[in-house]
Amino acid sequence: MMGIIVLIATILLPPLGVALKHGLDRDFWINLILTLILYVPGLVHGIYVNYLRGGSRAIA
């Protein structure tokens, strides 16, 4: 269930999705900047960080 929530958050507001899965670390700040510049780069980065890059650091 949490995976669905993170996916929806990543699509609607990419920094929120990254923060839910990784916390307020470097990936969140990079994603926030990309999303503020333009939505699509933030979305692509959010999907990459949350689902395609290995070594998930999920917040329990």
N, C-alpha and C. Protein backbone atom coordinates (compact mmCIF):
# COMPACT_ATOMS: atom_id res chain seq x y z
N MET A 1 0.82 -1.21 0.00
CA MET A 1 0.00 0.00 0.00
C MET A 1 0.86 1.26 0.00
N MET A 2 1.94 1.24 0.79
CA MET A 2 2.81 2.41 0.84
C MET A 2 3.47 2.67 -0.51
N GLY A 3 3.74 1.60 -1.27
CA GLY A 3 4.34 1.76 -2.59
C GLY A 3 3.45 2.52 -3.54
N ILE A 4 2.15 2.28 -3.46
CA ILE A 4 1.19 2.99 -4.31
C ILE A 4 1.15 4.47 -3.94
N ILE A 5 1.18 4.76 -2.65
CA ILE A 5 1.15 6.15 -2.19
C ILE A 5 2.40 6.88 -2.66
N VAL A 6 3.56 6.24 -2.55
CA VAL A 6 4.81 6.86 -3.00
C VAL A 6 4.78 7.09 -4.51
N LEU A 7 4.26 6.14 -5.26
CA LEU A 7 4.16 6.30 -6.71
C LEU A 7 3.26 7.47 -7.09
N ILE A 8 2.10 7.56 -6.47
CA ILE A 8 1.17 8.66 -6.76
C ILE A 8 1.80 9.99 -6.37
N ALA A 9 2.46 10.04 -5.20
CA ALA A 9 3.12 11.27 -4.77
C ALA A 9 4.25 11.66 -5.72
N THR A 10 4.99 10.67 -6.21
CA THR A 10 6.08 10.95 -7.15
C THR A 10 5.55 11.52 -8.45
N ILE A 11 4.41 11.05 -8.91
CA ILE A 11 3.84 11.55 -10.16
C ILE A 11 3.25 12.95 -9.96
N LEU A 12 2.53 13.16 -8.88
CA LEU A 12 1.86 14.45 -8.66
C LEU A 12 2.82 15.53 -8.19
N LEU A 13 3.72 15.19 -7.28
CA LEU A 13 4.67 16.15 -6.71
C LEU A 13 5.97 15.41 -6.44
N PRO A 14 6.86 15.38 -7.42
CA PRO A 14 8.05 14.54 -7.33
C PRO A 14 8.89 14.71 -6.04
N PRO A 15 9.12 15.93 -5.53
CA PRO A 15 9.92 16.02 -4.29
C PRO A 15 9.25 15.32 -3.10
N LEU A 16 7.93 15.32 -3.05
CA LEU A 16 7.23 14.63 -1.98
C LEU A 16 7.46 13.13 -2.06
N GLY A 17 7.39 12.57 -3.27
CA GLY A 17 7.64 11.14 -3.44
C GLY A 17 9.04 10.75 -3.04
N VAL A 18 10.02 11.58 -3.41
CA VAL A 18 11.41 11.30 -3.03
C VAL A 18 11.58 11.42 -1.52
N ALA A 19 10.96 12.43 -0.92
CA ALA A 19 11.07 12.61 0.53
C ALA A 19 10.42 11.46 1.29
N LEU A 20 9.31 10.95 0.80
CA LEU A 20 8.64 9.83 1.47
C LEU A 20 9.51 8.58 1.47
N LYS A 21 10.27 8.38 0.41
CA LYS A 21 11.06 7.17 0.30
C LYS A 21 12.47 7.32 0.86
N HIS A 22 13.06 8.51 0.73
CA HIS A 22 14.47 8.69 1.10
C HIS A 22 14.70 9.73 2.19
N GLY A 23 13.69 10.47 2.57
CA GLY A 23 13.89 11.51 3.57
C GLY A 23 14.40 12.79 2.91
N LEU A 24 14.82 13.73 3.74
CA LEU A 24 15.27 15.03 3.23
C LEU A 24 16.78 15.02 3.00
N ASP A 25 17.22 14.13 2.15
CA ASP A 25 18.65 14.02 1.87
C ASP A 25 18.98 14.74 0.56
N ARG A 26 20.15 14.45 0.03
CA ARG A 26 20.63 15.10 -1.18
C ARG A 26 19.68 14.89 -2.36
N ASP A 27 19.13 13.69 -2.49
CA ASP A 27 18.22 13.41 -3.60
C ASP A 27 16.98 14.29 -3.56
N PHE A 28 16.47 14.55 -2.38
CA PHE A 28 15.30 15.42 -2.25
C PHE A 28 15.61 16.82 -2.76
N TRP A 29 16.74 17.38 -2.36
CA TRP A 29 17.09 18.74 -2.74
C TRP A 29 17.35 18.86 -4.24
N ILE A 30 18.02 17.86 -4.82
CA ILE A 30 18.23 17.85 -6.26
C ILE A 30 16.88 17.80 -6.98
N ASN A 31 15.99 16.94 -6.49
CA ASN A 31 14.68 16.81 -7.11
C ASN A 31 13.86 18.09 -6.97
N LEU A 32 13.94 18.73 -5.83
CA LEU A 32 13.21 19.98 -5.63
C LEU A 32 13.68 21.04 -6.62
N ILE A 33 14.98 21.17 -6.80
CA ILE A 33 15.52 22.15 -7.74
C ILE A 33 15.08 21.82 -9.16
N LEU A 34 15.18 20.55 -9.55
CA LEU A 34 14.75 20.16 -10.90
C LEU A 34 13.26 20.40 -11.12
N THR A 35 12.46 20.14 -10.11
CA THR A 35 11.01 20.36 -10.23
C THR A 35 10.69 21.84 -10.31
N LEU A 36 11.41 22.67 -9.58
CA LEU A 36 11.17 24.11 -9.65
C LEU A 36 11.59 24.69 -10.99
N ILE A 37 12.64 24.14 -11.59
CA ILE A 37 13.07 24.60 -12.92
C ILE A 37 12.01 24.23 -13.95
N LEU A 38 11.61 22.97 -13.94
CA LEU A 38 10.59 22.48 -14.85
C LEU A 38 10.11 21.15 -14.30
N TYR A 39 8.84 20.88 -14.41
CA TYR A 39 8.24 19.69 -13.80
C TYR A 39 8.81 18.38 -14.33
N VAL A 40 8.99 18.28 -15.63
CA VAL A 40 9.38 17.01 -16.25
C VAL A 40 10.74 16.51 -15.76
N PRO A 41 11.80 17.35 -15.69
CA PRO A 41 13.07 16.82 -15.15
C PRO A 41 12.93 16.31 -13.71
N GLY A 42 12.12 16.98 -12.91
CA GLY A 42 11.89 16.52 -11.55
C GLY A 42 11.17 15.19 -11.52
N LEU A 43 10.21 15.01 -12.41
CA LEU A 43 9.48 13.75 -12.50
C LEU A 43 10.40 12.61 -12.93
N VAL A 44 11.22 12.85 -13.94
CA VAL A 44 12.14 11.83 -14.41
C VAL A 44 13.13 11.46 -13.31
N HIS A 45 13.67 12.45 -12.62
CA HIS A 45 14.61 12.19 -11.54
C HIS A 45 13.93 11.44 -10.40
N GLY A 46 12.71 11.82 -10.06
CA GLY A 46 11.98 11.14 -8.99
C GLY A 46 11.74 9.68 -9.29
N ILE A 47 11.34 9.38 -10.51
CA ILE A 47 11.12 7.98 -10.89
C ILE A 47 12.44 7.22 -10.89
N TYR A 48 13.49 7.86 -11.39
CA TYR A 48 14.81 7.22 -11.40
C TYR A 48 15.27 6.90 -9.98
N VAL A 49 15.20 7.87 -9.11
CA VAL A 49 15.69 7.69 -7.73
C VAL A 49 14.85 6.65 -6.98
N ASN A 50 13.54 6.70 -7.14
CA ASN A 50 12.68 5.82 -6.35
C ASN A 50 12.56 4.41 -6.91
N TYR A 51 12.68 4.24 -8.21
CA TYR A 51 12.36 2.94 -8.78
C TYR A 51 13.43 2.30 -9.65
N LEU A 52 14.33 3.07 -10.23
CA LEU A 52 15.29 2.50 -11.16
C LEU A 52 16.70 2.36 -10.59
N ARG A 53 17.08 3.25 -9.69
CA ARG A 53 18.41 3.19 -9.11
C ARG A 53 18.46 2.11 -8.03
N GLY A 54 19.52 1.36 -8.01
CA GLY A 54 19.66 0.33 -6.99
C GLY A 54 20.00 0.90 -5.63
N GLY A 55 19.90 0.10 -4.61
CA GLY A 55 20.29 0.51 -3.26
C GLY A 55 19.28 1.42 -2.60
N SER A 56 18.06 0.99 -2.49
CA SER A 56 17.01 1.79 -1.87
C SER A 56 17.31 2.02 -0.39
N ARG A 57 17.11 3.26 0.05
CA ARG A 57 17.28 3.61 1.45
C ARG A 57 15.94 4.00 2.02
N ALA A 58 15.04 3.07 2.05
CA ALA A 58 13.66 3.35 2.47
C ALA A 58 13.58 3.75 3.93
N ILE A 59 12.72 4.72 4.19
CA ILE A 59 12.45 5.18 5.55
C ILE A 59 11.40 4.26 6.16
N ALA A 60 11.67 3.74 7.33
CA ALA A 60 10.73 2.81 7.97
C ALA A 60 9.68 3.56 8.75
